[in-house]
């Protein structure tokens, strides 16, 4: 699970073009939106594309997406449970 979290952080940084950030700068449990990393709704769409492209996970419900994309830890847990490949 720790390897998945580091990989996810790298993918988030690359996908969202967060220049100057390193995986260790992102806390596993910190919120990705609002007060945490400060992501917005456009970023959430990018994260949903990342999940579909890299893990075969398609998020249909926006409310469910908010819970899944809350933090790196929640994303990793969801991926472990639902990954298609």
N, C-alpha and C. Protein backbone atom coordinates (compact mmCIF):
# COMPACT_ATOMS: atom_id res chain seq x y z
N UNK A 1 0.84 -1.20 0.00
CA UNK A 1 0.00 0.00 0.00
C UNK A 1 0.87 1.26 0.00
N UNK A 2 2.00 1.23 0.71
CA UNK A 2 2.88 2.41 0.74
C UNK A 2 3.43 2.72 -0.64
N UNK A 3 3.80 1.67 -1.39
CA UNK A 3 4.29 1.88 -2.76
C UNK A 3 3.22 2.52 -3.63
N UNK A 4 1.99 2.08 -3.47
CA UNK A 4 0.88 2.63 -4.23
C UNK A 4 0.69 4.12 -3.90
N UNK A 5 0.81 4.47 -2.64
CA UNK A 5 0.66 5.87 -2.24
C UNK A 5 1.74 6.75 -2.86
N UNK A 6 2.97 6.28 -2.87
CA UNK A 6 4.07 7.05 -3.47
C UNK A 6 3.83 7.19 -4.97
N UNK A 7 3.42 6.10 -5.62
CA UNK A 7 3.12 6.13 -7.05
C UNK A 7 1.99 7.11 -7.34
N UNK A 8 0.95 7.06 -6.53
CA UNK A 8 -0.18 7.99 -6.70
C UNK A 8 0.27 9.44 -6.57
N UNK A 9 1.08 9.72 -5.59
CA UNK A 9 1.58 11.09 -5.40
C UNK A 9 2.36 11.55 -6.63
N UNK A 10 3.20 10.67 -7.17
CA UNK A 10 3.96 11.01 -8.38
C UNK A 10 3.01 11.27 -9.54
N UNK A 11 1.99 10.43 -9.68
CA UNK A 11 1.03 10.59 -10.76
C UNK A 11 0.23 11.88 -10.60
N UNK A 12 -0.13 12.22 -9.38
CA UNK A 12 -0.88 13.46 -9.12
C UNK A 12 -0.01 14.66 -9.49
N UNK A 13 1.23 14.66 -9.08
CA UNK A 13 2.14 15.76 -9.38
C UNK A 13 2.31 15.92 -10.89
N UNK A 14 2.50 14.81 -11.59
CA UNK A 14 2.68 14.86 -13.05
C UNK A 14 1.40 15.27 -13.75
N UNK A 15 0.30 14.64 -13.37
CA UNK A 15 -0.98 14.89 -14.03
C UNK A 15 -1.45 16.32 -13.87
N UNK A 16 -1.24 16.89 -12.68
CA UNK A 16 -1.71 18.24 -12.40
C UNK A 16 -0.62 19.30 -12.58
N UNK A 17 0.55 18.84 -13.03
CA UNK A 17 1.67 19.74 -13.29
C UNK A 17 1.98 20.63 -12.07
N UNK A 18 2.12 19.98 -10.92
CA UNK A 18 2.41 20.69 -9.67
C UNK A 18 3.91 20.89 -9.56
N UNK A 19 4.41 21.90 -10.24
CA UNK A 19 5.84 22.14 -10.31
C UNK A 19 6.42 22.45 -8.94
N UNK A 20 7.60 21.90 -8.73
CA UNK A 20 8.31 22.14 -7.47
C UNK A 20 7.87 21.23 -6.33
N UNK A 21 6.88 20.39 -6.56
CA UNK A 21 6.42 19.47 -5.50
C UNK A 21 7.07 18.12 -5.67
N UNK A 22 7.29 17.47 -4.53
CA UNK A 22 7.82 16.11 -4.52
C UNK A 22 6.80 15.24 -3.78
N UNK A 23 6.81 13.94 -4.04
CA UNK A 23 5.85 13.05 -3.35
C UNK A 23 5.86 13.22 -1.84
N UNK A 24 7.04 13.42 -1.27
CA UNK A 24 7.12 13.55 0.20
C UNK A 24 6.50 14.85 0.72
N UNK A 25 6.20 15.78 -0.18
CA UNK A 25 5.54 17.03 0.22
C UNK A 25 4.04 16.84 0.46
N UNK A 26 3.50 15.72 0.00
CA UNK A 26 2.06 15.46 0.12
C UNK A 26 1.81 14.46 1.24
N UNK A 27 1.08 14.88 2.26
CA UNK A 27 0.73 13.99 3.38
C UNK A 27 -0.35 13.01 2.92
N UNK A 28 -0.20 11.75 3.27
CA UNK A 28 -1.15 10.71 2.85
C UNK A 28 -2.59 11.05 3.24
N UNK A 29 -2.78 11.65 4.41
CA UNK A 29 -4.12 11.88 4.94
C UNK A 29 -4.60 13.33 4.81
N UNK A 30 -3.77 14.19 4.25
CA UNK A 30 -4.17 15.59 4.10
C UNK A 30 -5.22 15.70 2.99
N UNK A 31 -6.18 16.60 3.17
CA UNK A 31 -7.19 16.79 2.13
C UNK A 31 -6.53 17.28 0.84
N UNK A 32 -6.98 16.75 -0.29
CA UNK A 32 -6.44 17.19 -1.57
C UNK A 32 -7.08 18.49 -2.02
N UNK A 33 -8.29 18.75 -1.56
CA UNK A 33 -9.04 19.93 -1.97
C UNK A 33 -9.17 20.91 -0.82
N UNK A 34 -9.41 22.17 -1.13
CA UNK A 34 -9.62 23.19 -0.10
C UNK A 34 -8.36 23.45 0.69
N UNK A 35 -8.46 23.32 2.01
CA UNK A 35 -7.38 23.67 2.92
C UNK A 35 -6.11 22.84 2.73
N UNK A 36 -6.23 21.64 2.20
CA UNK A 36 -5.07 20.76 2.06
C UNK A 36 -4.17 21.20 0.92
N UNK A 37 -4.18 20.42 -0.15
CA UNK A 37 -3.33 20.69 -1.31
C UNK A 37 -3.87 21.83 -2.16
N UNK A 38 -5.14 22.17 -1.95
CA UNK A 38 -5.72 23.32 -2.64
C UNK A 38 -6.21 23.04 -4.05
N UNK A 39 -6.51 21.78 -4.34
CA UNK A 39 -7.01 21.44 -5.67
C UNK A 39 -8.43 21.95 -5.86
N UNK A 40 -8.86 22.05 -7.13
CA UNK A 40 -10.21 22.53 -7.43
C UNK A 40 -10.96 21.51 -8.29
N UNK A 41 -12.15 21.89 -8.77
CA UNK A 41 -13.00 20.95 -9.51
C UNK A 41 -12.37 20.49 -10.82
N UNK A 42 -11.61 21.35 -11.49
CA UNK A 42 -10.92 20.95 -12.71
C UNK A 42 -9.89 19.87 -12.38
N UNK A 43 -9.20 20.04 -11.27
CA UNK A 43 -8.23 19.05 -10.83
C UNK A 43 -8.90 17.71 -10.53
N UNK A 44 -10.12 17.76 -9.98
CA UNK A 44 -10.82 16.51 -9.68
C UNK A 44 -11.11 15.74 -10.96
N UNK A 45 -11.44 16.44 -12.03
CA UNK A 45 -11.66 15.77 -13.32
C UNK A 45 -10.37 15.10 -13.80
N UNK A 46 -9.26 15.79 -13.65
CA UNK A 46 -7.96 15.22 -14.03
C UNK A 46 -7.66 13.96 -13.20
N UNK A 47 -7.98 14.00 -11.91
CA UNK A 47 -7.74 12.84 -11.06
C UNK A 47 -8.63 11.66 -11.46
N UNK A 48 -9.86 11.95 -11.87
CA UNK A 48 -10.75 10.88 -12.32
C UNK A 48 -10.21 10.25 -13.61
N UNK A 49 -9.68 11.07 -14.50
CA UNK A 49 -9.06 10.55 -15.72
C UNK A 49 -7.84 9.69 -15.36
N UNK A 50 -7.05 10.15 -14.40
CA UNK A 50 -5.88 9.41 -13.95
C UNK A 50 -6.29 8.02 -13.44
N UNK A 51 -7.35 7.96 -12.63
CA UNK A 51 -7.81 6.68 -12.09
C UNK A 51 -8.29 5.74 -13.20
N UNK A 52 -8.98 6.31 -14.17
CA UNK A 52 -9.49 5.47 -15.26
C UNK A 52 -8.35 4.97 -16.14
N UNK A 53 -7.45 5.86 -16.49
CA UNK A 53 -6.35 5.52 -17.39
C UNK A 53 -5.36 4.54 -16.75
N UNK A 54 -5.01 4.77 -15.50
CA UNK A 54 -3.96 3.97 -14.87
C UNK A 54 -4.45 2.75 -14.10
N UNK A 55 -5.73 2.78 -13.69
CA UNK A 55 -6.21 1.69 -12.84
C UNK A 55 -7.52 1.07 -13.32
N UNK A 56 -8.07 1.57 -14.41
CA UNK A 56 -9.32 1.02 -14.94
C UNK A 56 -10.53 1.33 -14.08
N UNK A 57 -10.44 2.38 -13.28
CA UNK A 57 -11.53 2.75 -12.36
C UNK A 57 -12.25 3.97 -12.92
N UNK A 58 -13.55 3.81 -13.16
CA UNK A 58 -14.36 4.92 -13.66
C UNK A 58 -15.31 5.37 -12.56
N UNK A 59 -15.24 6.63 -12.21
CA UNK A 59 -16.10 7.18 -11.17
C UNK A 59 -17.27 7.88 -11.86
N UNK A 60 -18.47 7.39 -11.62
CA UNK A 60 -19.67 7.93 -12.26
C UNK A 60 -20.38 8.98 -11.41
N UNK A 61 -20.37 8.77 -10.11
CA UNK A 61 -21.12 9.62 -9.18
C UNK A 61 -20.19 10.66 -8.55
N UNK A 62 -20.51 11.94 -8.72
CA UNK A 62 -19.68 13.03 -8.20
C UNK A 62 -19.55 12.96 -6.68
N UNK A 63 -20.63 12.59 -6.00
CA UNK A 63 -20.58 12.50 -4.53
C UNK A 63 -19.62 11.40 -4.09
N UNK A 64 -19.69 10.27 -4.79
CA UNK A 64 -18.77 9.18 -4.49
C UNK A 64 -17.34 9.63 -4.80
N UNK A 65 -17.18 10.36 -5.88
CA UNK A 65 -15.86 10.87 -6.27
C UNK A 65 -15.25 11.75 -5.19
N UNK A 66 -16.06 12.59 -4.58
CA UNK A 66 -15.55 13.46 -3.50
C UNK A 66 -14.96 12.64 -2.36
N UNK A 67 -15.62 11.54 -2.03
CA UNK A 67 -15.12 10.68 -0.95
C UNK A 67 -13.85 9.95 -1.37
N UNK A 68 -13.83 9.44 -2.60
CA UNK A 68 -12.67 8.70 -3.10
C UNK A 68 -11.46 9.61 -3.21
N UNK A 69 -11.67 10.82 -3.71
CA UNK A 69 -10.57 11.75 -3.96
C UNK A 69 -10.24 12.66 -2.78
N UNK A 70 -10.71 12.31 -1.61
CA UNK A 70 -10.50 13.16 -0.43
C UNK A 70 -9.02 13.30 -0.08
N UNK A 71 -8.26 12.21 -0.17
CA UNK A 71 -6.83 12.24 0.18
C UNK A 71 -6.13 11.12 -0.60
N UNK A 72 -4.82 11.13 -0.54
CA UNK A 72 -4.05 10.06 -1.17
C UNK A 72 -4.41 8.72 -0.53
N UNK A 73 -4.60 8.71 0.78
CA UNK A 73 -4.93 7.46 1.49
C UNK A 73 -6.28 6.90 1.03
N UNK A 74 -7.29 7.76 0.85
CA UNK A 74 -8.60 7.26 0.41
C UNK A 74 -8.53 6.79 -1.04
N UNK A 75 -7.75 7.47 -1.87
CA UNK A 75 -7.59 7.03 -3.25
C UNK A 75 -6.91 5.66 -3.31
N UNK A 76 -5.84 5.49 -2.53
CA UNK A 76 -5.10 4.23 -2.54
C UNK A 76 -5.97 3.08 -2.05
N UNK A 77 -6.75 3.31 -1.01
CA UNK A 77 -7.64 2.26 -0.49
C UNK A 77 -8.67 1.86 -1.54
N UNK A 78 -9.24 2.84 -2.22
CA UNK A 78 -10.24 2.57 -3.26
C UNK A 78 -9.61 1.82 -4.43
N UNK A 79 -8.42 2.21 -4.82
CA UNK A 79 -7.72 1.54 -5.92
C UNK A 79 -7.46 0.09 -5.56
N UNK A 80 -6.97 -0.17 -4.35
CA UNK A 80 -6.67 -1.54 -3.94
C UNK A 80 -7.92 -2.41 -4.01
N UNK A 81 -9.04 -1.85 -3.67
CA UNK A 81 -10.29 -2.61 -3.63
C UNK A 81 -10.93 -2.78 -5.01
N UNK A 82 -10.73 -1.79 -5.92
CA UNK A 82 -11.49 -1.78 -7.17
C UNK A 82 -10.66 -1.81 -8.44
N UNK A 83 -9.37 -1.92 -8.36
CA UNK A 83 -8.54 -1.81 -9.57
C UNK A 83 -8.89 -2.92 -10.57
N UNK A 84 -8.89 -2.53 -11.84
CA UNK A 84 -9.25 -3.46 -12.90
C UNK A 84 -8.02 -4.12 -13.51
N UNK A 85 -6.88 -3.45 -13.44
CA UNK A 85 -5.63 -4.03 -13.99
C UNK A 85 -4.45 -3.54 -13.22
